Amino acid sequence: MAVQSSHTAFSFLSPLRSHSIVPETSLLSFKPSLVGYPFTATNRRRPFIITVSSKSNNELSVDKKRQLLEQYGLNPDEFLSEPSPKTKKRREQSKSGTGKQVLVEEPKPPRETHKLLQVVGGTARRKKLLSPKSMDVRPMMEVVKAAAFGILQAAGGCPASLRPGRWLDLYSGTGSVGIEAISRGCSEVHFVEMDPWVVSDVLRPNLEWTGFLDASVIHTVRVESFLERAEHFLGEDGSFDYISVTPPYAVVDYSILMDQISKSSIVGENTFILVEYPFRTDMLDSCGCLVKISDRRFGRTHLAIYGPKWALKKKYVEKTKRKQEKLDLLREVEISAS
């Protein structure tokens, strides 16, 4: 489309001739002052030229703009239609320079606690313990905890209480397992928990409430890091007598975790390891030099206990002894009945 321009006027080819789109400002902002004719005396066809001047300051009304656009064969709706809301918003943002607004995340509600747990046995029996209301921390069920300590006490040769020793509570959370251990006779417990809020608002208050803070050591670190640097955290204290492993089911690979524990310096020849694991999880029959002495199911929760070989032999002897006692009792009943 040819354009002829001067200092005060602009010329455009007619759309009737070239079917080109005339700029909106050329038709809506100016008044036509001169119209050329498409034919000359020689009957030679020439371009139809419209000359508009910018000298006039009078603004055209919408109706006149429509008439003018229709006069030259243009669709007024293409030039006079209202922009969409999105287009208006985009134009406003481009003018103000704001662009896309960044959404600000709402602050998370404060985490709360409640007292639903309690110490099952020992010196702090029936004392209530704090636990988070959310599902971030999953404490061991009381029935599982009672069964676990019953097995450990029997395996250690002292059914009434645990033999004195050091306990390591991995993934301690509320600290209910380690607190139970101190209540039943352990001399020292190391708690490993990575969540600072759980440590400050749940674990430490529970230790203060039960009076076991002086017998406790808290490590606010990931379990994997603790196992890798166990010598750094523990110094020359050596291995533990008891280790409890109660991790969150969904985020732990038990084969990798148990392999890491078995190779760590925290495990000794006489160590007992208590492992809580979910249904349909394959657990090995041994963990380093330790053997599995018990594997029980409580609904969807399983409890495996590893210990030294002498504990397994002792368990077998006790089981045989109980069986023999039952047989002797049945014989006495038969003799008395006859």
C-alpha atoms as a PDB file:
ATOM      1  CA  MET A   1       0.000   0.000   0.000  1.00  0.00           C
ATOM      2  CA  ALA A   2       1.582   3.261  -1.096  1.00  0.00           C
ATOM      3  CA  VAL A   3       1.675   6.177   1.319  1.00  0.00           C
ATOM      4  CA  GLN A   4       2.160   9.788   0.326  1.00  0.00           C
ATOM      5  CA  SER A   5       2.997  12.114   3.214  1.00  0.00           C
ATOM      6  CA  SER A   6       3.866  15.738   3.816  1.00  0.00           C
ATOM      7  CA  HIS A   7       4.472  17.927   6.841  1.00  0.00           C
ATOM      8  CA  THR A   8       0.780  18.278   7.703  1.00  0.00           C
ATOM      9  CA  ALA A   9      -1.072  15.660   5.694  1.00  0.00           C
ATOM     10  CA  PHE A  10      -1.045  11.906   4.997  1.00  0.00           C
ATOM     11  CA  SER A  11      -2.321  10.068   1.909  1.00  0.00           C
ATOM     12  CA  PHE A  12      -3.533   6.458   1.753  1.00  0.00           C
ATOM     13  CA  LEU A  13      -4.648   4.176  -1.059  1.00  0.00           C
ATOM     14  CA  SER A  14      -8.318   3.326  -0.949  1.00  0.00           C
ATOM     15  CA  PRO A  15      -9.195  -0.171   0.323  1.00  0.00           C
ATOM     16  CA  LEU A  16     -11.636  -0.429  -2.596  1.00  0.00           C
ATOM     17  CA  ARG A  17      -8.644  -0.654  -4.866  1.00  0.00           C
ATOM     18  CA  SER A  18      -6.047  -2.685  -2.999  1.00  0.00           C
ATOM     19  CA  HIS A  19      -8.055  -4.468  -0.243  1.00  0.00           C
ATOM     20  CA  SER A  20      -5.420  -3.402   2.278  1.00  0.00           C
ATOM     21  CA  ILE A  21      -6.159  -2.514   5.902  1.00  0.00           C
ATOM     22  CA  VAL A  22      -6.090   1.198   6.568  1.00  0.00           C
ATOM     23  CA  PRO A  23      -4.471   2.159   9.894  1.00  0.00           C
ATOM     24  CA  GLU A  24      -6.994   2.993  12.548  1.00  0.00           C
ATOM     25  CA  THR A  25      -5.480   6.349  13.411  1.00  0.00           C
ATOM     26  CA  SER A  26      -5.603   7.504   9.808  1.00  0.00           C
ATOM     27  CA  LEU A  27      -9.380   7.238   9.633  1.00  0.00           C
ATOM     28  CA  LEU A  28     -10.485   7.907  13.181  1.00  0.00           C
ATOM     29  CA  SER A  29      -8.273  10.830  14.131  1.00  0.00           C
ATOM     30  CA  PHE A  30      -8.502  12.984  11.026  1.00  0.00           C
ATOM     31  CA  LYS A  31     -11.133  14.464   8.707  1.00  0.00           C
ATOM     32  CA  PRO A  32     -10.944  13.995   4.966  1.00  0.00           C
ATOM     33  CA  SER A  33     -10.288  17.267   3.167  1.00  0.00           C
ATOM     34  CA  LEU A  34      -9.608  16.143  -0.377  1.00  0.00           C
ATOM     35  CA  VAL A  35     -10.788  13.164  -2.381  1.00  0.00           C
ATOM     36  CA  GLY A  36      -9.199  12.243  -5.694  1.00  0.00           C
ATOM     37  CA  TYR A  37     -10.998  10.554  -8.577  1.00  0.00           C
ATOM     38  CA  PRO A  38      -9.988   7.122  -9.816  1.00  0.00           C
ATOM     39  CA  PHE A  39     -10.235   7.956 -13.568  1.00  0.00           C
ATOM     40  CA  THR A  40      -8.783  10.674 -15.777  1.00  0.00           C
ATOM     41  CA  ALA A  41      -9.908  12.034 -19.118  1.00  0.00           C
ATOM     42  CA  THR A  42      -7.784   9.443 -20.890  1.00  0.00           C
ATOM     43  CA  ASN A  43      -9.743   6.724 -19.089  1.00  0.00           C
ATOM     44  CA  ARG A  44      -6.514   5.468 -17.487  1.00  0.00           C
ATOM     45  CA  ARG A  45      -7.065   3.794 -14.143  1.00  0.00           C
ATOM     46  CA  ARG A  46      -5.192   5.380 -11.258  1.00  0.00           C
ATOM     47  CA  PRO A  47      -5.074   4.736  -7.504  1.00  0.00           C
ATOM     48  CA  PHE A  48      -7.861   6.198  -5.444  1.00  0.00           C
ATOM     49  CA  ILE A  49      -6.122   8.551  -2.996  1.00  0.00           C
ATOM     50  CA  ILE A  50      -7.560   9.911   0.246  1.00  0.00           C
ATOM     51  CA  THR A  51      -5.866  12.900   1.780  1.00  0.00           C
ATOM     52  CA  VAL A  52      -6.528  13.703   5.430  1.00  0.00           C
ATOM     53  CA  SER A  53      -5.288  16.678   7.354  1.00  0.00           C
ATOM     54  CA  SER A  54      -4.251  16.934  10.988  1.00  0.00           C
ATOM     55  CA  LYS A  55      -4.982  20.623  11.337  1.00  0.00           C
ATOM     56  CA  SER A  56      -8.427  20.144  12.839  1.00  0.00           C
ATOM     57  CA  ASN A  57      -8.630  19.416  16.572  1.00  0.00           C
ATOM     58  CA  ASN A  58     -12.272  18.299  16.556  1.00  0.00           C
ATOM     59  CA  GLU A  59     -12.718  14.667  17.684  1.00  0.00           C
ATOM     60  CA  LEU A  60     -15.123  12.498  15.681  1.00  0.00           C
ATOM     61  CA  SER A  61     -18.017  10.853  17.487  1.00  0.00           C
ATOM     62  CA  VAL A  62     -18.450   7.104  17.478  1.00  0.00           C
ATOM     63  CA  ASP A  63     -21.354   7.256  15.005  1.00  0.00           C
ATOM     64  CA  LYS A  64     -19.396   9.389  12.568  1.00  0.00           C
ATOM     65  CA  LYS A  65     -16.445   7.056  12.880  1.00  0.00           C
ATOM     66  CA  ARG A  66     -18.714   4.148  11.997  1.00  0.00           C
ATOM     67  CA  GLN A  67     -20.146   6.000   8.999  1.00  0.00           C
ATOM     68  CA  LEU A  68     -16.690   6.894   7.807  1.00  0.00           C
ATOM     69  CA  LEU A  69     -15.448   3.302   8.123  1.00  0.00           C
ATOM     70  CA  GLU A  70     -18.532   1.913   6.366  1.00  0.00           C
ATOM     71  CA  GLN A  71     -18.140   4.506   3.619  1.00  0.00           C
ATOM     72  CA  TYR A  72     -14.778   3.003   2.728  1.00  0.00           C
ATOM     73  CA  GLY A  73     -15.920  -0.599   2.992  1.00  0.00           C
ATOM     74  CA  LEU A  74     -14.410  -1.403   6.395  1.00  0.00           C
ATOM     75  CA  ASN A  75     -15.993  -3.275   9.288  1.00  0.00           C
ATOM     76  CA  PRO A  76     -16.413  -0.784  12.169  1.00  0.00           C
ATOM     77  CA  ASP A  77     -16.442  -3.593  14.761  1.00  0.00           C
ATOM     78  CA  GLU A  78     -12.838  -4.451  13.948  1.00  0.00           C
ATOM     79  CA  PHE A  79     -11.747  -0.930  14.875  1.00  0.00           C
ATOM     80  CA  LEU A  80     -14.300   0.206  17.451  1.00  0.00           C
ATOM     81  CA  SER A  81     -14.942  -2.994  19.440  1.00  0.00           C
ATOM     82  CA  GLU A  82     -14.218  -2.933  23.175  1.00  0.00           C
ATOM     83  CA  PRO A  83     -11.116  -4.879  24.272  1.00  0.00           C
ATOM     84  CA  SER A  84     -11.594  -7.956  26.438  1.00  0.00           C
ATOM     85  CA  PRO A  85     -11.092  -7.724  30.232  1.00  0.00           C
ATOM     86  CA  LYS A  86      -7.820  -9.645  29.945  1.00  0.00           C
ATOM     87  CA  THR A  87      -6.570  -7.221  27.310  1.00  0.00           C
ATOM     88  CA  LYS A  88      -7.536  -4.234  29.467  1.00  0.00           C
ATOM     89  CA  LYS A  89      -5.770  -5.736  32.467  1.00  0.00           C
ATOM     90  CA  ARG A  90      -2.671  -6.491  30.410  1.00  0.00           C
ATOM     91  CA  ARG A  91      -2.585  -2.927  29.103  1.00  0.00           C
ATOM     92  CA  GLU A  92      -2.966  -1.496  32.588  1.00  0.00           C
ATOM     93  CA  GLN A  93      -0.161  -3.699  33.894  1.00  0.00           C
ATOM     94  CA  SER A  94       2.098  -2.728  31.011  1.00  0.00           C
ATOM     95  CA  LYS A  95       1.418   0.962  31.689  1.00  0.00           C
ATOM     96  CA  SER A  96       2.031   0.672  35.415  1.00  0.00           C
ATOM     97  CA  GLY A  97       5.011  -1.660  34.923  1.00  0.00           C
ATOM     98  CA  THR A  98       3.805  -4.218  37.451  1.00  0.00           C
ATOM     99  CA  GLY A  99       3.530  -7.231  35.134  1.00  0.00           C
ATOM    100  CA  LYS A 100       2.769 -10.558  36.743  1.00  0.00           C
ATOM    101  CA  GLN A 101       2.153 -10.418  40.455  1.00  0.00           C
ATOM    102  CA  VAL A 102       3.945 -12.921  42.681  1.00  0.00           C
ATOM    103  CA  LEU A 103       1.577 -14.815  44.940  1.00  0.00           C
ATOM    104  CA  VAL A 104       2.567 -14.623  48.589  1.00  0.00           C
ATOM    105  CA  GLU A 105       2.172 -17.903  50.463  1.00  0.00           C
ATOM    106  CA  GLU A 106      -0.006 -17.764  53.519  1.00  0.00           C
ATOM    107  CA  PRO A 107       1.778 -18.581  56.767  1.00  0.00           C
ATOM    108  CA  LYS A 108       1.246 -22.120  58.001  1.00  0.00           C
ATOM    109  CA  PRO A 109      -0.867 -22.542  61.121  1.00  0.00           C
ATOM    110  CA  PRO A 110       1.082 -23.165  64.328  1.00  0.00           C
ATOM    111  CA  ARG A 111       1.715 -26.793  65.218  1.00  0.00           C
ATOM    112  CA  GLU A 112      -0.111 -28.049  68.287  1.00  0.00           C
ATOM    113  CA  THR A 113       0.376 -30.860  70.781  1.00  0.00           C
ATOM    114  CA  HIS A 114      -1.816 -33.025  72.968  1.00  0.00           C
ATOM    115  CA  LYS A 115      -1.328 -35.596  75.735  1.00  0.00           C
ATOM    116  CA  LEU A 116      -2.458 -38.980  74.444  1.00  0.00           C
ATOM    117  CA  LEU A 117       0.642 -41.048  75.224  1.00  0.00           C
ATOM    118  CA  GLN A 118       1.785 -42.383  78.556  1.00  0.00           C
ATOM    119  CA  VAL A 119       4.667 -44.323  80.050  1.00  0.00           C
ATOM    120  CA  VAL A 120       3.668 -47.990  80.274  1.00  0.00           C
ATOM    121  CA  GLY A 121       5.938 -49.271  83.057  1.00  0.00           C
ATOM    122  CA  GLY A 122       8.781 -48.473  85.415  1.00  0.00           C
ATOM    123  CA  THR A 123       9.344 -45.544  87.728  1.00  0.00           C
ATOM    124  CA  ALA A 124       7.456 -43.059  85.511  1.00  0.00           C
ATOM    125  CA  ARG A 125       4.512 -45.358  84.862  1.00  0.00           C
ATOM    126  CA  ARG A 126       1.251 -43.693  83.706  1.00  0.00           C
ATOM    127  CA  LYS A 127       2.822 -40.294  83.256  1.00  0.00           C
ATOM    128  CA  LYS A 128       1.288 -38.510  80.261  1.00  0.00           C
ATOM    129  CA  LEU A 129       3.522 -37.478  77.364  1.00  0.00           C
ATOM    130  CA  LEU A 130       3.132 -34.766  74.733  1.00  0.00           C
ATOM    131  CA  SER A 131       2.761 -35.662  71.053  1.00  0.00           C
ATOM    132  CA  PRO A 132       2.002 -33.587  67.926  1.00  0.00           C
ATOM    133  CA  LYS A 133      -1.612 -33.433  66.763  1.00  0.00           C
ATOM    134  CA  SER A 134      -0.525 -33.771  63.141  1.00  0.00           C
ATOM    135  CA  MET A 135       0.636 -36.991  61.496  1.00  0.00           C
ATOM    136  CA  ASP A 136       4.216 -35.748  61.053  1.00  0.00           C
ATOM    137  CA  VAL A 137       5.297 -37.849  64.029  1.00  0.00           C
ATOM    138  CA  ARG A 138       3.959 -41.385  64.515  1.00  0.00           C
ATOM    139  CA  PRO A 139       4.678 -42.660  68.044  1.00  0.00           C
ATOM    140  CA  MET A 140       4.894 -46.365  68.795  1.00  0.00           C
ATOM    141  CA  MET A 141       1.607 -47.842  69.988  1.00  0.00           C
ATOM    142  CA  GLU A 142       1.494 -48.683  73.681  1.00  0.00           C
ATOM    143  CA  VAL A 143       0.650 -52.335  73.070  1.00  0.00           C
ATOM    144  CA  VAL A 144       3.672 -52.674  70.774  1.00  0.00           C
ATOM    145  CA  LYS A 145       5.896 -50.854  73.237  1.00  0.00           C
ATOM    146  CA  ALA A 146       4.817 -53.062  76.140  1.00  0.00           C
ATOM    147  CA  ALA A 147       5.447 -56.232  74.123  1.00  0.00           C
ATOM    148  CA  ALA A 148       8.851 -54.997  72.935  1.00  0.00           C
ATOM    149  CA  PHE A 149      10.121 -54.238  76.427  1.00  0.00           C
ATOM    150  CA  GLY A 150       8.728 -57.499  77.728  1.00  0.00           C
ATOM    151  CA  ILE A 151      10.765 -59.419  75.139  1.00  0.00           C
ATOM    152  CA  LEU A 152      13.915 -57.387  75.821  1.00  0.00           C
ATOM    153  CA  GLN A 153      13.651 -57.841  79.577  1.00  0.00           C
ATOM    154  CA  ALA A 154      13.153 -61.589  79.229  1.00  0.00           C
ATOM    155  CA  ALA A 155      16.025 -61.876  76.746  1.00  0.00           C
ATOM    156  CA  GLY A 156      18.309 -59.934  79.066  1.00  0.00           C
ATOM    157  CA  GLY A 157      17.626 -62.296  81.935  1.00  0.00           C
ATOM    158  CA  CYS A 158      15.679 -59.828  84.089  1.00  0.00           C
ATOM    159  CA  PRO A 159      11.918 -59.998  83.407  1.00  0.00           C
ATOM    160  CA  ALA A 160      11.112 -57.266  85.942  1.00  0.00           C
ATOM    161  CA  SER A 161      13.277 -54.552  84.348  1.00  0.00           C
ATOM    162  CA  LEU A 162      15.968 -53.882  81.768  1.00  0.00           C
ATOM    163  CA  ARG A 163      19.548 -54.626  82.633  1.00  0.00           C
ATOM    164  CA  PRO A 164      21.440 -51.338  83.128  1.00  0.00           C
ATOM    165  CA  GLY A 165      22.958 -49.995  79.941  1.00  0.00           C
ATOM    166  CA  ARG A 166      22.917 -47.311  77.270  1.00  0.00           C
ATOM    167  CA  TRP A 167      20.021 -46.891  74.831  1.00  0.00           C
ATOM    168  CA  LEU A 168      20.018 -45.225  71.391  1.00  0.00           C
ATOM    169  CA  ASP A 169      16.601 -44.012  70.204  1.00  0.00           C
ATOM    170  CA  LEU A 170      16.733 -43.390  66.435  1.00  0.00           C
ATOM    171  CA  TYR A 171      13.868 -41.359  64.917  1.00  0.00           C
ATOM    172  CA  SER A 172      12.911 -40.588  68.511  1.00  0.00           C
ATOM    173  CA  GLY A 173      10.101 -38.080  67.806  1.00  0.00           C
ATOM    174  CA  THR A 174       8.206 -37.725  71.088  1.00  0.00           C
ATOM    175  CA  GLY A 175      10.880 -39.749  72.888  1.00  0.00           C
ATOM    176  CA  SER A 176       8.340 -42.234  74.253  1.00  0.00           C
ATOM    177  CA  VAL A 177      10.561 -45.279  73.582  1.00  0.00           C
ATOM    178  CA  GLY A 178      13.674 -43.773  75.146  1.00  0.00           C
ATOM    179  CA  ILE A 179      11.701 -42.463  78.125  1.00  0.00           C
ATOM    180  CA  GLU A 180      10.243 -45.942  78.609  1.00  0.00           C
ATOM    181  CA  ALA A 181      13.790 -47.319  78.596  1.00  0.00           C
ATOM    182  CA  ILE A 182      14.948 -44.938  81.341  1.00  0.00           C
ATOM    183  CA  SER A 183      11.810 -45.654  83.333  1.00  0.00           C
ATOM    184  CA  ARG A 184      12.587 -49.392  83.191  1.00  0.00           C
ATOM    185  CA  GLY A 185      16.229 -49.201  84.251  1.00  0.00           C
ATOM    186  CA  CYS A 186      18.483 -47.830  81.481  1.00  0.00           C
ATOM    187  CA  SER A 187      21.180 -45.504  82.765  1.00  0.00           C
ATOM    188  CA  GLU A 188      21.495 -43.248  79.687  1.00  0.00           C
ATOM    189  CA  VAL A 189      19.542 -42.627  76.484  1.00  0.00           C
ATOM    190  CA  HIS A 190      20.628 -40.802  73.319  1.00  0.00           C
ATOM    191  CA  PHE A 191      17.768 -39.330  71.286  1.00  0.00           C
ATOM    192  CA  VAL A 192      18.236 -38.642  67.549  1.00  0.00           C
ATOM    193  CA  GLU A 193      15.568 -36.367  66.028  1.00  0.00           C
ATOM    194  CA  MET A 194      15.985 -34.013  63.056  1.00  0.00           C
ATOM    195  CA  ASP A 195      12.932 -31.742  63.599  1.00  0.00           C
ATOM    196  CA  PRO A 196      13.894 -28.747  65.800  1.00  0.00           C
ATOM    197  CA  TRP A 197      10.263 -27.995  66.678  1.00  0.00           C
ATOM    198  CA  VAL A 198       9.666 -31.561  67.886  1.00  0.00           C
ATOM    199  CA  VAL A 199      12.834 -31.372  69.976  1.00  0.00           C
ATOM    200  CA  SER A 200      12.005 -28.017  71.593  1.00  0.00           C
ATOM    201  CA  ASP A 201       8.220 -28.356  72.001  1.00  0.00           C
ATOM    202  CA  VAL A 202       7.696 -32.099  72.472  1.00  0.00           C
ATOM    203  CA  LEU A 203      10.799 -34.150  73.306  1.00  0.00           C
ATOM    204  CA  ARG A 204      12.504 -31.823  75.784  1.00  0.00           C
ATOM    205  CA  PRO A 205       9.269 -31.000  77.696  1.00  0.00           C
ATOM    206  CA  ASN A 206       8.568 -34.744  78.007  1.00  0.00           C
ATOM    207  CA  LEU A 207      12.025 -35.331  79.468  1.00  0.00           C
ATOM    208  CA  GLU A 208      11.589 -32.451  81.896  1.00  0.00           C
ATOM    209  CA  TRP A 209       8.134 -33.665  82.936  1.00  0.00           C
ATOM    210  CA  THR A 210       9.362 -37.207  83.642  1.00  0.00           C
ATOM    211  CA  GLY A 211      12.547 -35.985  85.325  1.00  0.00           C
ATOM    212  CA  PHE A 212      14.844 -37.810  82.880  1.00  0.00           C
ATOM    213  CA  LEU A 213      16.556 -34.818  81.274  1.00  0.00           C
ATOM    214  CA  ASP A 214      19.819 -35.391  83.164  1.00  0.00           C
ATOM    215  CA  ALA A 215      20.017 -38.977  81.879  1.00  0.00           C
ATOM    216  CA  SER A 216      19.403 -37.920  78.268  1.00  0.00           C
ATOM    217  CA  VAL A 217      21.470 -36.657  75.345  1.00  0.00           C
ATOM    218  CA  ILE A 218      19.630 -35.079  72.390  1.00  0.00           C
ATOM    219  CA  HIS A 219      21.118 -35.041  68.876  1.00  0.00           C
ATOM    220  CA  THR A 220      19.201 -32.736  66.503  1.00  0.00           C
ATOM    221  CA  VAL A 221      20.450 -34.285  63.292  1.00  0.00           C
ATOM    222  CA  ARG A 222      19.340 -36.659  60.547  1.00  0.00           C
ATOM    223  CA  VAL A 223      19.695 -40.342  61.390  1.00  0.00           C
ATOM    224  CA  GLU A 224      21.745 -40.994  58.246  1.00  0.00           C
ATOM    225  CA  SER A 225      24.236 -38.284  59.219  1.00  0.00           C
ATOM    226  CA  PHE A 226      24.386 -39.571  62.779  1.00  0.00           C
ATOM    227  CA  LEU A 227      25.206 -43.105  61.633  1.00  0.00           C
ATOM    228  CA  GLU A 228      27.891 -41.863  59.248  1.00  0.00           C
ATOM    229  CA  ARG A 229      29.538 -39.757  61.973  1.00  0.00           C
ATOM    230  CA  ALA A 230      28.709 -41.835  65.029  1.00  0.00           C
ATOM    231  CA  GLU A 231      32.259 -41.675  66.374  1.00  0.00           C
ATOM    232  CA  HIS A 232      32.162 -37.875  66.189  1.00  0.00           C
ATOM    233  CA  PHE A 233      28.913 -37.672  68.165  1.00  0.00           C
ATOM    234  CA  LEU A 234      29.682 -40.371  70.725  1.00  0.00           C
ATOM    235  CA  GLY A 235      33.425 -40.081  71.186  1.00  0.00           C
ATOM    236  CA  GLU A 236      35.003 -43.093  72.893  1.00  0.00           C
ATOM    237  CA  ASP A 237      31.817 -44.354  74.546  1.00  0.00           C
ATOM    238  CA  GLY A 238      31.575 -47.229  72.078  1.00  0.00           C
ATOM    239  CA  SER A 239      28.551 -49.290  71.159  1.00  0.00           C
ATOM    240  CA  PHE A 240      25.093 -49.213  72.729  1.00  0.00           C
ATOM    241  CA  ASP A 241      23.358 -51.959  74.681  1.00  0.00           C
ATOM    242  CA  TYR A 242      19.971 -51.216  73.092  1.00  0.00           C
ATOM    243  CA  ILE A 243      18.945 -49.513  69.854  1.00  0.00           C
ATOM    244  CA  SER A 244      15.372 -48.673  68.859  1.00  0.00           C
ATOM    245  CA  VAL A 245      14.540 -47.944  65.207  1.00  0.00           C
ATOM    246  CA  THR A 246      11.064 -46.472  64.632  1.00  0.00           C
ATOM    247  CA  PRO A 247      11.259 -44.504  61.352  1.00  0.00           C
ATOM    248  CA  PRO A 248       8.440 -43.025  59.265  1.00  0.00           C
ATOM    249  CA  TYR A 249       7.349 -45.881  57.034  1.00  0.00           C
ATOM    250  CA  ALA A 250       7.011 -43.974  53.750  1.00  0.00           C
ATOM    251  CA  VAL A 251      10.442 -42.329  53.612  1.00  0.00           C
ATOM    252  CA  VAL A 252      12.747 -45.180  54.620  1.00  0.00           C
ATOM    253  CA  ASP A 253      14.300 -48.039  52.691  1.00  0.00           C
ATOM    254  CA  TYR A 254      14.692 -50.657  55.412  1.00  0.00           C
ATOM    255  CA  SER A 255      17.305 -52.719  53.584  1.00  0.00           C
ATOM    256  CA  ILE A 256      19.598 -49.696  53.216  1.00  0.00           C
ATOM    257  CA  LEU A 257      18.903 -48.491  56.754  1.00  0.00           C
ATOM    258  CA  MET A 258      19.608 -51.847  58.407  1.00  0.00           C
ATOM    259  CA  ASP A 259      22.761 -52.293  56.349  1.00  0.00           C
ATOM    260  CA  GLN A 260      23.983 -48.877  57.491  1.00  0.00           C
ATOM    261  CA  ILE A 261      23.206 -49.712  61.121  1.00  0.00           C
ATOM    262  CA  SER A 262      24.976 -53.075  60.951  1.00  0.00           C
ATOM    263  CA  LYS A 263      28.165 -51.444  59.638  1.00  0.00           C
ATOM    264  CA  SER A 264      28.134 -48.631  62.190  1.00  0.00           C
ATOM    265  CA  SER A 265      30.209 -48.530  65.361  1.00  0.00           C
ATOM    266  CA  ILE A 266      27.057 -48.182  67.470  1.00  0.00           C
ATOM    267  CA  VAL A 267      26.415 -51.947  67.242  1.00  0.00           C
ATOM    268  CA  GLY A 268      28.304 -54.333  69.495  1.00  0.00           C
ATOM    269  CA  GLU A 269      28.322 -58.088  70.000  1.00  0.00           C
ATOM    270  CA  ASN A 270      25.779 -57.899  72.837  1.00  0.00           C
ATOM    271  CA  THR A 271      23.536 -55.180  71.399  1.00  0.00           C
ATOM    272  CA  PHE A 272      19.769 -55.606  71.115  1.00  0.00           C
ATOM    273  CA  ILE A 273      18.058 -53.830  68.203  1.00  0.00           C
ATOM    274  CA  LEU A 274      14.324 -53.170  68.197  1.00  0.00           C
ATOM    275  CA  VAL A 275      12.855 -52.394  64.741  1.00  0.00           C
ATOM    276  CA  GLU A 276       9.276 -51.347  64.005  1.00  0.00           C
ATOM    277  CA  TYR A 277       8.354 -51.859  60.354  1.00  0.00           C
ATOM    278  CA  PRO A 278       5.177 -51.899  58.227  1.00  0.00           C
ATOM    279  CA  PHE A 279       3.226 -54.796  56.796  1.00  0.00           C
ATOM    280  CA  ARG A 280       4.673 -56.494  53.684  1.00  0.00           C
ATOM    281  CA  THR A 281       8.257 -55.466  54.374  1.00  0.00           C
ATOM    282  CA  ASP A 282      10.959 -58.109  54.117  1.00  0.00           C
ATOM    283  CA  MET A 283      13.365 -58.054  57.046  1.00  0.00           C
ATOM    284  CA  LEU A 284      16.597 -60.040  57.073  1.00  0.00           C
ATOM    285  CA  ASP A 285      17.194 -62.805  59.598  1.00  0.00           C
ATOM    286  CA  SER A 286      20.365 -61.112  60.815  1.00  0.00           C
ATOM    287  CA  CYS A 287      21.866 -57.665  61.269  1.00  0.00           C
ATOM    288  CA  GLY A 288      25.639 -57.908  61.199  1.00  0.00           C
ATOM    289  CA  CYS A 289      26.703 -60.238  63.991  1.00  0.00           C
ATOM    290  CA  LEU A 290      23.212 -60.206  65.521  1.00  0.00           C
ATOM    291  CA  VAL A 291      20.391 -62.661  64.817  1.00  0.00           C
ATOM    292  CA  LYS A 292      16.639 -62.206  64.822  1.00  0.00           C
ATOM    293  CA  ILE A 293      15.275 -63.472  68.117  1.00  0.00           C
ATOM    294  CA  SER A 294      11.680 -62.300  67.697  1.00  0.00           C
ATOM    295  CA  ASP A 295       9.312 -61.116  64.960  1.00  0.00           C
ATOM    296  CA  ARG A 296       5.747 -60.307  65.941  1.00  0.00           C
ATOM    297  CA  ARG A 297       2.778 -58.704  64.217  1.00  0.00           C
ATOM    298  CA  PHE A 298       0.356 -56.145  65.674  1.00  0.00           C
ATOM    299  CA  GLY A 299      -2.221 -55.422  62.972  1.00  0.00           C
ATOM    300  CA  ARG A 300      -0.389 -53.586  60.186  1.00  0.00           C
ATOM    301  CA  THR A 301       2.657 -53.039  62.394  1.00  0.00           C
ATOM    302  CA  HIS A 302       5.464 -55.556  62.776  1.00  0.00           C
ATOM    303  CA  LEU A 303       8.126 -55.696  65.453  1.00  0.00           C
ATOM    304  CA  ALA A 304      11.492 -57.378  64.899  1.00  0.00           C
ATOM    305  CA  ILE A 305      14.130 -57.751  67.598  1.00  0.00           C
ATOM    306  CA  TYR A 306      17.751 -58.635  66.863  1.00  0.00           C
ATOM    307  CA  GLY A 307      20.200 -59.738  69.516  1.00  0.00           C
ATOM    308  CA  PRO A 308      23.243 -61.890  70.278  1.00  0.00           C
ATOM    309  CA  LYS A 309      23.138 -65.624  69.661  1.00  0.00           C
ATOM    310  CA  TRP A 310      23.232 -66.433  73.350  1.00  0.00           C
ATOM    311  CA  ALA A 311      19.887 -64.640  73.758  1.00  0.00           C
ATOM    312  CA  LEU A 312      18.365 -66.879  71.095  1.00  0.00           C
ATOM    313  CA  LYS A 313      19.700 -70.005  72.813  1.00  0.00           C
ATOM    314  CA  LYS A 314      18.415 -68.764  76.138  1.00  0.00           C
ATOM    315  CA  LYS A 315      15.026 -68.109  74.612  1.00  0.00           C
ATOM    316  CA  TYR A 316      14.973 -71.622  73.173  1.00  0.00           C
ATOM    317  CA  VAL A 317      15.903 -73.108  76.556  1.00  0.00           C
ATOM    318  CA  GLU A 318      13.194 -71.108  78.318  1.00  0.00           C
ATOM    319  CA  LYS A 319      10.641 -72.113  75.698  1.00  0.00           C
ATOM    320  CA  THR A 320      11.577 -75.767  76.096  1.00  0.00           C
ATOM    321  CA  LYS A 321      11.391 -75.429  79.862  1.00  0.00           C
ATOM    322  CA  ARG A 322       7.897 -73.907  79.728  1.00  0.00           C
ATOM    323  CA  LYS A 323       6.774 -76.651  77.381  1.00  0.00           C
ATOM    324  CA  GLN A 324       8.104 -79.305  79.734  1.00  0.00           C
ATOM    325  CA  GLU A 325       6.333 -77.690  82.675  1.00  0.00           C
ATOM    326  CA  LYS A 326       3.030 -77.829  80.789  1.00  0.00           C
ATOM    327  CA  LEU A 327       3.538 -81.513  79.998  1.00  0.00           C
ATOM    328  CA  ASP A 328       4.307 -82.285  83.639  1.00  0.00           C
ATOM    329  CA  LEU A 329       1.166 -80.421  84.700  1.00  0.00           C
ATOM    330  CA  LEU A 330      -0.977 -82.403  82.259  1.00  0.00           C
ATOM    331  CA  ARG A 331       0.447 -85.685  83.566  1.00  0.00           C
ATOM    332  CA  GLU A 332      -0.360 -84.721  87.137  1.00  0.00           C
ATOM    333  CA  VAL A 333      -3.927 -83.898  86.107  1.00  0.00           C
ATOM    334  CA  GLU A 334      -4.300 -87.253  84.351  1.00  0.00           C
ATOM    335  CA  ILE A 335      -2.904 -89.140  87.350  1.00  0.00           C
ATOM    336  CA  SER A 336      -5.204 -87.348  89.773  1.00  0.00           C
ATOM    337  CA  ALA A 337      -8.202 -87.973  87.515  1.00  0.00           C
ATOM    338  CA  SER A 338      -7.483 -91.687  87.296  1.00  0.00           C
END
